[in-house]
N, C-alpha and C. Protein backbone atom coordinates (compact mmCIF):
# COMPACT_ATOMS: atom_id res chain seq x y z
N MET A 1 -47.56 43.22 -2.32
CA MET A 1 -47.59 44.59 -3.04
C MET A 1 -48.73 44.13 -3.79
N PRO A 2 -49.71 45.26 -4.40
CA PRO A 2 -51.09 45.03 -4.45
C PRO A 2 -51.18 45.58 -6.16
N HIS A 3 -51.79 44.84 -7.05
CA HIS A 3 -51.72 45.43 -7.98
C HIS A 3 -53.20 45.91 -8.58
N SER A 4 -52.81 47.00 -9.40
CA SER A 4 -53.88 47.22 -10.19
C SER A 4 -55.19 46.56 -11.05
N ILE A 5 -55.94 46.57 -11.41
CA ILE A 5 -57.20 46.22 -11.82
C ILE A 5 -56.58 46.31 -13.19
N ALA A 6 -56.20 47.49 -13.86
CA ALA A 6 -55.73 47.82 -14.99
C ALA A 6 -54.51 46.59 -15.22
N THR A 7 -53.36 46.68 -14.65
CA THR A 7 -52.28 45.80 -14.78
C THR A 7 -52.78 44.18 -15.11
N TRP A 8 -53.95 43.79 -14.08
CA TRP A 8 -54.49 42.43 -14.14
C TRP A 8 -54.93 42.88 -15.82
N SER A 9 -55.95 43.54 -16.06
CA SER A 9 -56.72 43.14 -17.23
C SER A 9 -55.67 43.71 -18.08
N SER A 10 -54.69 44.43 -18.32
CA SER A 10 -53.58 44.35 -19.71
C SER A 10 -52.59 42.64 -19.80
N TRP A 11 -52.62 41.99 -18.24
CA TRP A 11 -51.69 40.93 -18.67
C TRP A 11 -53.05 40.16 -19.66
N TRP A 12 -54.87 39.96 -18.89
CA TRP A 12 -55.70 39.15 -19.72
C TRP A 12 -55.41 39.50 -20.49
N ARG A 13 -55.48 40.67 -21.31
CA ARG A 13 -55.95 41.28 -23.19
C ARG A 13 -54.47 39.91 -23.28
N ASN A 14 -53.44 40.71 -22.59
CA ASN A 14 -52.59 39.86 -23.80
C ASN A 14 -52.24 38.44 -23.45
N ALA A 15 -53.07 38.30 -22.67
CA ALA A 15 -53.72 36.35 -23.02
C ALA A 15 -54.62 36.18 -23.91
N GLN A 16 -54.94 36.31 -23.88
CA GLN A 16 -56.60 36.58 -24.71
C GLN A 16 -54.85 36.74 -26.06
N THR A 17 -54.78 37.29 -26.41
CA THR A 17 -53.86 37.36 -27.79
C THR A 17 -53.32 36.38 -28.00
N MET A 18 -52.81 36.05 -26.64
CA MET A 18 -51.41 34.69 -26.58
C MET A 18 -52.77 33.76 -27.36
N TRP A 19 -54.08 33.12 -26.65
CA TRP A 19 -54.79 32.01 -26.92
C TRP A 19 -54.93 32.45 -29.14
N GLU A 20 -54.93 33.69 -29.28
CA GLU A 20 -56.02 33.57 -30.45
C GLU A 20 -54.54 33.51 -31.27
N ILE A 21 -53.52 33.68 -31.40
CA ILE A 21 -51.90 33.38 -31.90
C ILE A 21 -51.84 31.51 -31.71
N ALA A 22 -52.31 31.15 -30.32
CA ALA A 22 -52.07 29.80 -30.43
C ALA A 22 -53.39 28.79 -31.36
N GLN A 23 -54.62 29.42 -31.51
CA GLN A 23 -55.50 28.91 -32.79
C GLN A 23 -55.61 29.28 -33.96
N SER A 24 -54.82 30.48 -34.40
CA SER A 24 -54.95 30.25 -35.63
C SER A 24 -53.47 29.86 -36.25
N ALA A 25 -52.11 29.91 -35.51
CA ALA A 25 -51.13 29.54 -36.13
C ALA A 25 -50.95 27.84 -36.28
N PRO A 26 -52.13 27.43 -35.41
CA PRO A 26 -51.72 25.84 -36.25
C PRO A 26 -52.86 25.46 -37.29
N GLN A 27 -53.66 26.57 -37.91
CA GLN A 27 -54.39 26.69 -38.69
C GLN A 27 -53.37 27.08 -40.06
N VAL A 28 -52.88 28.09 -39.87
CA VAL A 28 -51.75 28.19 -41.09
C VAL A 28 -50.69 27.44 -41.64
N ILE A 29 -50.48 26.54 -40.64
CA ILE A 29 -49.30 25.76 -40.61
C ILE A 29 -49.89 24.23 -41.59
N ALA A 30 -51.18 23.94 -40.85
CA ALA A 30 -51.97 22.82 -41.80
C ALA A 30 -51.86 23.21 -43.07
N HIS A 31 -52.51 24.40 -43.14
CA HIS A 31 -52.79 24.99 -44.77
C HIS A 31 -51.42 24.78 -45.41
N ARG A 32 -50.71 25.53 -45.43
CA ARG A 32 -49.38 25.77 -45.86
C ARG A 32 -48.58 24.55 -45.57
N SER A 33 -48.38 23.46 -45.13
CA SER A 33 -47.61 22.35 -45.07
C SER A 33 -48.84 21.07 -45.83
N THR A 34 -49.99 21.25 -46.52
CA THR A 34 -50.63 20.60 -47.34
C THR A 34 -50.54 21.55 -48.63
N ARG A 35 -50.22 22.70 -48.18
CA ARG A 35 -50.21 23.52 -49.72
C ARG A 35 -48.76 23.19 -50.36
N MET A 36 -47.94 22.63 -49.31
CA MET A 36 -46.70 22.02 -49.63
C MET A 36 -46.38 20.98 -50.60
N ALA A 37 -47.26 20.18 -49.68
CA ALA A 37 -47.59 18.24 -49.97
C ALA A 37 -47.63 18.64 -51.72
N LEU A 38 -49.17 19.51 -51.78
CA LEU A 38 -49.96 19.19 -53.01
C LEU A 38 -48.85 19.87 -54.20
N ALA A 39 -48.45 21.09 -53.86
CA ALA A 39 -47.53 21.21 -55.06
C ALA A 39 -46.32 20.71 -55.27
N GLY A 40 -45.74 19.82 -54.53
CA GLY A 40 -44.87 18.68 -55.15
C GLY A 40 -43.32 19.64 -55.10
N HIS A 41 -42.68 19.25 -56.43
CA HIS A 41 -41.73 19.47 -57.11
C HIS A 41 -41.67 20.85 -57.59
N MET A 42 -42.94 20.82 -58.33
CA MET A 42 -42.90 22.19 -59.56
C MET A 42 -44.17 22.96 -59.11
N PRO A 43 -43.69 23.87 -57.68
CA PRO A 43 -45.42 24.59 -57.15
C PRO A 43 -45.69 25.77 -58.20
N SER A 44 -47.24 26.08 -58.21
CA SER A 44 -47.51 26.82 -59.69
C SER A 44 -46.90 28.49 -58.75
N ALA A 45 -46.89 29.20 -60.14
CA ALA A 45 -46.87 30.66 -59.58
C ALA A 45 -47.62 31.11 -58.12
N ARG A 46 -48.88 30.81 -58.27
CA ARG A 46 -49.52 31.02 -56.63
C ARG A 46 -48.80 30.67 -55.56
N ASP A 47 -48.48 29.47 -55.74
CA ASP A 47 -47.83 28.79 -54.38
C ASP A 47 -46.20 29.17 -54.11
N ARG A 48 -45.64 29.41 -55.25
CA ARG A 48 -44.16 29.83 -54.67
C ARG A 48 -44.46 31.87 -54.41
N LYS A 49 -45.48 32.65 -54.69
CA LYS A 49 -45.84 33.20 -53.84
C LYS A 49 -46.39 33.22 -52.43
N GLU A 50 -46.80 32.29 -51.92
CA GLU A 50 -47.35 31.99 -50.56
C GLU A 50 -46.13 31.65 -50.13
N PHE A 51 -45.55 30.59 -50.45
CA PHE A 51 -44.35 30.38 -50.09
C PHE A 51 -43.29 31.06 -49.68
N HIS A 52 -43.27 32.64 -50.53
CA HIS A 52 -41.75 33.10 -50.28
C HIS A 52 -42.68 34.05 -49.22
N LEU A 53 -43.65 34.32 -49.20
CA LEU A 53 -44.53 35.42 -47.98
C LEU A 53 -44.67 34.56 -46.64
N MET A 54 -44.25 33.36 -46.75
CA MET A 54 -44.01 32.60 -45.61
C MET A 54 -43.15 33.03 -44.63
N GLY A 55 -41.46 33.20 -45.64
CA GLY A 55 -40.33 33.42 -45.04
C GLY A 55 -40.72 35.04 -44.59
N ALA A 56 -40.77 35.84 -45.76
CA ALA A 56 -40.98 37.35 -45.79
C ALA A 56 -41.85 37.99 -44.51
N GLU A 57 -43.37 37.38 -44.14
CA GLU A 57 -43.97 37.86 -43.17
C GLU A 57 -43.41 37.10 -41.91
N LYS A 58 -42.35 36.65 -41.76
CA LYS A 58 -41.93 36.59 -40.36
C LYS A 58 -40.62 37.22 -40.01
N LEU A 59 -39.90 37.06 -41.05
CA LEU A 59 -39.01 38.43 -40.93
C LEU A 59 -39.48 39.68 -40.56
N GLU A 60 -40.54 40.50 -41.04
CA GLU A 60 -41.68 41.83 -41.05
C GLU A 60 -41.66 41.46 -39.64
N ALA A 61 -42.38 40.65 -39.05
CA ALA A 61 -43.04 40.66 -37.79
C ALA A 61 -41.82 40.47 -36.69
N MET A 62 -41.22 40.03 -36.85
CA MET A 62 -40.16 39.87 -36.20
C MET A 62 -39.09 41.26 -35.49
N GLY A 63 -38.67 42.03 -37.14
CA GLY A 63 -38.41 43.78 -37.52
C GLY A 63 -40.01 44.34 -36.21
N GLU A 64 -40.71 43.91 -36.69
CA GLU A 64 -41.87 45.34 -36.03
C GLU A 64 -41.91 45.13 -34.11
N SER A 65 -42.00 43.58 -33.90
CA SER A 65 -42.14 43.59 -32.78
C SER A 65 -40.83 43.86 -31.89
N ALA A 66 -39.28 43.81 -32.51
CA ALA A 66 -38.54 43.66 -31.84
C ALA A 66 -38.58 44.68 -31.74
N PHE A 67 -39.11 46.12 -32.90
CA PHE A 67 -38.86 47.77 -33.15
C PHE A 67 -39.78 48.15 -31.55
N ALA A 68 -40.95 47.32 -31.80
CA ALA A 68 -41.95 47.96 -30.89
C ALA A 68 -42.21 47.58 -29.02
N VAL A 69 -41.11 46.78 -29.12
CA VAL A 69 -40.56 46.23 -27.79
C VAL A 69 -39.68 47.34 -27.14
N MET A 70 -38.80 47.48 -27.74
CA MET A 70 -37.88 48.31 -27.81
C MET A 70 -38.34 50.00 -27.49
N LEU A 71 -39.18 50.53 -28.02
CA LEU A 71 -40.06 51.46 -27.91
C LEU A 71 -40.49 51.40 -26.75
N GLN A 72 -41.03 50.58 -26.23
CA GLN A 72 -41.92 50.08 -25.06
C GLN A 72 -40.65 50.55 -24.01
N LEU A 73 -40.12 49.43 -24.00
CA LEU A 73 -39.00 49.49 -23.13
C LEU A 73 -38.08 50.71 -22.83
N LEU A 74 -37.79 51.84 -23.90
CA LEU A 74 -37.44 53.30 -23.61
C LEU A 74 -38.25 53.96 -22.63
N GLN A 75 -39.72 53.88 -23.50
CA GLN A 75 -40.64 55.00 -22.68
C GLN A 75 -40.93 54.15 -21.10
N ALA A 76 -40.69 52.76 -20.88
CA ALA A 76 -40.66 52.57 -19.41
C ALA A 76 -39.24 52.94 -18.71
N GLN A 77 -38.30 53.28 -19.30
CA GLN A 77 -37.06 53.68 -19.03
C GLN A 77 -36.72 55.01 -18.78
N GLN A 78 -37.49 55.57 -19.60
CA GLN A 78 -37.71 57.17 -19.25
C GLN A 78 -38.96 57.52 -18.22
N THR A 79 -39.87 56.33 -17.51
CA THR A 79 -40.62 56.97 -16.83
C THR A 79 -39.89 56.14 -15.59
N ALA A 80 -39.25 55.21 -15.47
CA ALA A 80 -38.77 54.60 -13.83
C ALA A 80 -37.26 55.78 -13.57
N THR A 81 -36.77 56.35 -14.99
CA THR A 81 -35.85 57.86 -14.72
C THR A 81 -36.66 58.84 -14.13
N LEU A 82 -37.59 58.59 -14.54
CA LEU A 82 -38.65 60.48 -14.07
C LEU A 82 -38.98 60.20 -12.21
N ALA A 83 -39.62 58.92 -12.16
CA ALA A 83 -40.26 58.41 -10.77
C ALA A 83 -38.84 58.41 -9.89
N LEU A 84 -37.57 58.38 -10.22
CA LEU A 84 -36.46 58.05 -9.46
C LEU A 84 -36.08 59.36 -9.54
N MET A 85 -36.01 60.53 -10.35
CA MET A 85 -35.11 61.67 -9.89
C MET A 85 -36.13 62.18 -9.37
N SER A 86 -37.67 62.33 -9.43
CA SER A 86 -38.81 63.07 -8.74
C SER A 86 -38.98 62.36 -7.48
N ALA A 87 -38.06 61.44 -6.61
CA ALA A 87 -38.56 60.97 -5.97
C ALA A 87 -36.67 60.50 -5.30
N TRP A 88 -36.11 61.11 -5.61
CA TRP A 88 -34.51 61.11 -5.29
C TRP A 88 -34.26 61.46 -3.50
N TRP A 89 -34.85 61.78 -2.73
CA TRP A 89 -35.20 61.78 -1.25
C TRP A 89 -35.33 60.50 -1.03
N LYS A 90 -36.16 59.35 -1.28
CA LYS A 90 -37.01 58.59 -0.72
C LYS A 90 -35.94 57.80 -1.00
N PRO A 91 -35.53 56.86 -0.21
CA PRO A 91 -34.68 55.45 -0.16
C PRO A 91 -35.41 54.41 -1.01
N GLN A 92 -36.61 54.29 -0.47
CA GLN A 92 -37.48 53.48 -0.88
C GLN A 92 -37.75 53.42 -3.03
N ALA A 93 -37.71 54.47 -3.41
CA ALA A 93 -37.63 55.08 -4.63
C ALA A 93 -36.85 54.06 -5.15
N TRP A 94 -35.49 54.12 -4.77
CA TRP A 94 -34.41 53.37 -5.68
C TRP A 94 -34.54 52.34 -5.84
N VAL A 95 -35.29 51.30 -4.56
CA VAL A 95 -35.36 49.64 -4.97
C VAL A 95 -36.73 49.86 -5.84
N ASP A 96 -37.88 50.28 -5.81
CA ASP A 96 -39.03 50.05 -5.89
C ASP A 96 -39.22 49.35 -7.42
N PRO A 97 -39.72 48.15 -7.53
CA PRO A 97 -39.99 47.87 -9.21
C PRO A 97 -40.90 48.46 -10.02
N GLY A 98 -41.92 48.76 -9.27
CA GLY A 98 -43.30 49.32 -9.93
C GLY A 98 -43.07 49.44 -11.27
N PRO A 99 -42.25 50.74 -11.53
CA PRO A 99 -42.54 51.16 -13.09
C PRO A 99 -42.25 50.26 -14.01
N TRP A 100 -41.16 49.67 -13.61
CA TRP A 100 -41.08 48.29 -14.65
C TRP A 100 -42.02 47.28 -14.03
N LEU A 101 -42.53 46.91 -13.42
CA LEU A 101 -43.61 45.81 -13.21
C LEU A 101 -44.85 46.40 -14.37
N ARG A 102 -45.55 48.30 -13.99
CA ARG A 102 -46.50 48.24 -14.62
C ARG A 102 -46.19 48.22 -16.01
N ALA A 103 -45.17 48.51 -16.69
CA ALA A 103 -44.63 48.83 -18.33
C ALA A 103 -44.60 47.63 -18.66
N MET A 104 -44.29 46.32 -18.00
CA MET A 104 -44.39 44.90 -18.49
C MET A 104 -45.37 44.50 -19.80
N PRO A 105 -46.79 44.76 -19.02
CA PRO A 105 -48.16 44.38 -20.04
C PRO A 105 -47.51 45.07 -21.09
N GLY A 106 -47.78 46.33 -21.13
CA GLY A 106 -47.87 47.07 -22.68
C GLY A 106 -46.10 46.47 -23.34
N VAL A 107 -45.40 46.32 -22.89
CA VAL A 107 -44.07 45.51 -23.79
C VAL A 107 -44.23 44.54 -23.98
N THR A 108 -45.28 43.68 -23.59
CA THR A 108 -45.57 42.39 -23.70
C THR A 108 -46.48 42.68 -24.77
N ALA A 109 -47.48 43.43 -25.20
CA ALA A 109 -48.76 43.46 -25.75
C ALA A 109 -48.16 44.21 -27.19
N ALA A 110 -47.02 44.82 -26.79
CA ALA A 110 -46.10 45.49 -27.98
C ALA A 110 -45.44 44.47 -28.83
N GLY A 111 -45.52 43.43 -28.64
CA GLY A 111 -44.37 42.62 -29.34
C GLY A 111 -45.26 41.26 -29.45
N LEU A 112 -46.30 41.82 -29.04
CA LEU A 112 -47.23 40.31 -29.71
C LEU A 112 -48.42 40.65 -30.66
N LYS A 113 -48.38 42.29 -30.61
CA LYS A 113 -49.35 43.01 -31.69
C LYS A 113 -48.93 42.62 -33.20
N PRO A 114 -47.39 42.65 -33.65
CA PRO A 114 -47.49 42.55 -35.29
C PRO A 114 -47.49 40.51 -35.71
N VAL A 115 -47.24 40.07 -34.41
CA VAL A 115 -47.24 38.62 -34.72
C VAL A 115 -48.60 38.30 -34.76
N HIS A 116 -49.17 38.42 -34.04
CA HIS A 116 -50.86 38.35 -33.74
C HIS A 116 -51.61 39.02 -35.06
N LYS A 117 -51.16 39.77 -35.17
CA LYS A 117 -51.86 40.83 -36.55
C LYS A 117 -51.49 40.33 -37.50
N ARG A 118 -50.52 39.47 -37.98
CA ARG A 118 -50.30 38.26 -39.12
C ARG A 118 -50.83 36.85 -39.57
N VAL A 119 -50.80 36.71 -38.02
CA VAL A 119 -51.02 34.84 -38.28
C VAL A 119 -52.69 34.93 -37.81
N THR A 120 -53.59 36.21 -37.17
CA THR A 120 -54.98 36.00 -37.57
C THR A 120 -55.60 36.54 -38.97
N ALA A 121 -54.67 37.37 -39.40
CA ALA A 121 -55.20 37.30 -40.92
C ALA A 121 -54.75 36.12 -41.95
N ASN A 122 -53.81 35.69 -41.89
CA ASN A 122 -53.32 34.46 -42.54
C ASN A 122 -54.26 33.84 -42.07
N ALA A 123 -54.43 33.07 -41.27
CA ALA A 123 -55.79 32.34 -40.55
C ALA A 123 -57.22 32.13 -41.39
N GLN A 124 -57.75 33.82 -41.37
CA GLN A 124 -58.69 34.30 -42.40
C GLN A 124 -58.49 34.30 -43.54
N ARG A 125 -56.93 34.47 -44.17
CA ARG A 125 -57.28 34.64 -45.59
C ARG A 125 -57.08 33.17 -46.25
N LEU A 126 -56.37 32.56 -45.78
CA LEU A 126 -56.13 30.76 -46.05
C LEU A 126 -56.90 29.91 -45.93
N ALA A 127 -58.49 30.24 -45.02
CA ALA A 127 -59.43 29.60 -44.59
C ALA A 127 -60.89 29.96 -46.20
N ARG A 128 -60.19 31.34 -46.63
CA ARG A 128 -60.98 31.40 -47.96
C ARG A 128 -60.38 30.94 -48.99
N VAL A 129 -59.25 30.31 -49.37
CA VAL A 129 -58.59 29.82 -50.50
C VAL A 129 -59.05 28.54 -50.66
N GLY A 130 -59.54 27.23 -50.00
CA GLY A 130 -60.47 26.66 -50.74
C GLY A 130 -59.22 25.34 -50.29
N LEU A 131 -58.60 25.12 -50.01
CA LEU A 131 -57.58 23.75 -49.14
C LEU A 131 -58.28 23.56 -47.87
N THR A 132 -59.62 22.09 -48.50
CA THR A 132 -60.22 21.79 -47.39
C THR A 132 -59.70 20.36 -46.65
N PRO A 133 -60.73 19.76 -45.88
CA PRO A 133 -60.05 18.75 -45.03
C PRO A 133 -60.19 17.46 -46.28
N ALA A 134 -60.61 17.50 -46.85
CA ALA A 134 -60.30 16.81 -48.63
C ALA A 134 -59.69 16.74 -49.14
N ALA A 135 -58.69 18.08 -49.51
CA ALA A 135 -57.43 18.06 -49.75
C ALA A 135 -56.51 17.41 -48.72
N ALA A 136 -56.40 17.52 -47.42
CA ALA A 136 -55.57 16.94 -46.63
C ALA A 136 -55.70 15.42 -47.00
N ALA A 137 -56.86 14.73 -46.70
CA ALA A 137 -56.93 13.76 -47.03
C ALA A 137 -55.77 13.13 -48.60
N ILE A 138 -55.83 14.17 -49.92
CA ILE A 138 -55.51 13.33 -50.80
C ILE A 138 -53.81 13.23 -50.08
N VAL A 139 -52.94 14.18 -49.43
CA VAL A 139 -51.84 13.67 -49.01
C VAL A 139 -51.36 12.30 -48.68
N PRO A 140 -51.67 12.16 -47.94
CA PRO A 140 -51.49 10.40 -47.53
C PRO A 140 -51.73 9.14 -49.19
N THR A 141 -52.68 9.82 -49.65
CA THR A 141 -52.72 8.98 -50.74
C THR A 141 -51.79 9.24 -51.95
N LEU A 142 -51.13 10.19 -52.20
CA LEU A 142 -50.71 10.30 -53.08
C LEU A 142 -49.04 10.44 -52.48
N ALA A 143 -48.64 10.53 -51.20
CA ALA A 143 -47.66 9.82 -50.96
C ALA A 143 -47.21 8.01 -50.53
N ALA A 144 -48.43 7.56 -50.40
CA ALA A 144 -48.56 6.02 -50.58
C ALA A 144 -47.90 5.56 -52.40
N ALA A 145 -48.86 6.39 -52.84
CA ALA A 145 -48.34 5.83 -54.35
C ALA A 145 -47.51 6.37 -55.00
N VAL A 146 -46.69 7.45 -54.52
CA VAL A 146 -45.54 7.70 -55.06
C VAL A 146 -44.08 6.86 -54.80
N PRO A 147 -44.22 5.92 -54.09
CA PRO A 147 -43.26 4.75 -53.75
C PRO A 147 -43.73 4.08 -54.12
N ALA A 148 -45.15 3.58 -54.58
CA ALA A 148 -45.39 2.20 -55.77
C ALA A 148 -45.03 2.53 -56.59
N LYS A 149 -44.85 4.00 -57.22
CA LYS A 149 -44.32 4.10 -58.90
C LYS A 149 -42.74 4.06 -59.40
N ARG A 150 -42.43 4.46 -58.13
CA ARG A 150 -41.07 4.61 -58.01
C ARG A 150 -40.05 2.74 -57.69
N ALA A 151 -40.77 2.02 -57.30
CA ALA A 151 -40.46 0.62 -56.71
C ALA A 151 -41.06 -0.08 -57.90
N LYS A 152 -41.63 0.28 -59.24
CA LYS A 152 -41.80 0.02 -60.20
C LYS A 152 -40.98 0.32 -61.25
N ALA A 153 -40.43 1.39 -61.23
CA ALA A 153 -39.34 2.06 -62.22
C ALA A 153 -37.89 0.92 -61.87
N VAL A 154 -37.94 0.44 -60.39
CA VAL A 154 -36.87 -0.27 -59.85
C VAL A 154 -36.48 -1.16 -60.58
N VAL A 155 -37.51 -1.85 -60.71
CA VAL A 155 -37.11 -3.64 -61.02
C VAL A 155 -36.61 -3.15 -62.56
N THR A 156 -36.24 -4.20 -62.36
CA THR A 156 -35.34 -4.77 -63.74
C THR A 156 -35.68 -6.30 -64.17
N PRO A 157 -36.25 -6.25 -65.62
CA PRO A 157 -36.34 -7.81 -66.04
C PRO A 157 -35.77 -8.91 -65.72
N ARG A 158 -35.99 -10.12 -65.49
CA ARG A 158 -34.26 -10.83 -65.55
C ARG A 158 -34.22 -11.21 -66.73
N ARG A 159 -33.09 -12.05 -66.68
CA ARG A 159 -32.31 -12.31 -67.72
C ARG A 159 -32.53 -13.73 -68.01
N ARG A 160 -33.10 -14.11 -68.94
CA ARG A 160 -32.89 -15.66 -69.53
C ARG A 160 -31.51 -16.25 -69.26
N ARG A 161 -31.30 -17.54 -69.10
CA ARG A 161 -30.22 -17.85 -69.16
C ARG A 161 -29.94 -19.13 -70.27
N ARG A 162 -28.71 -18.78 -70.91
CA ARG A 162 -28.45 -19.40 -72.32
C ARG A 162 -28.16 -20.43 -72.21
N SER A 163 -29.16 -21.86 -72.54
CA SER A 163 -28.10 -22.97 -71.97
C SER A 163 -26.89 -23.51 -73.00
N ALA A 164 -26.10 -24.15 -72.10
CA ALA A 164 -24.73 -24.05 -73.19
C ALA A 164 -24.62 -25.89 -73.82
């Protein structure tokens, strides 16, 4: 089954979008994980806002993505139905997957767009915030220092024996 150049270029654009997501998401995760580690049990108001944004934007992107995919599938269904109705006398039209196959790159692109928009925007925004690799190096130092402080607090002085 021959595929058009437009179909291949659509899939190529989707692959590029997924590559950009794959490049940006680890940067965002690393920044936020470092931020959570540095914030400890008493995060600042700025940290709390960022941590809330982490969850809220995932739900928003998921909702937007699902809605966009639904609209694209509805459009593909209408296109396929129109193709079937216009060629109802041709038996091969009833088994032709063409309208669905041509619609899939658009469905994929619609689903990726909200996620891509947020992930790349977050990577750019968080890159300006100022957490550097030097801040990430502090995290192991803090983790090593915390158990040592706890160990000192747990140790109790030995009692002296009284001689009888």
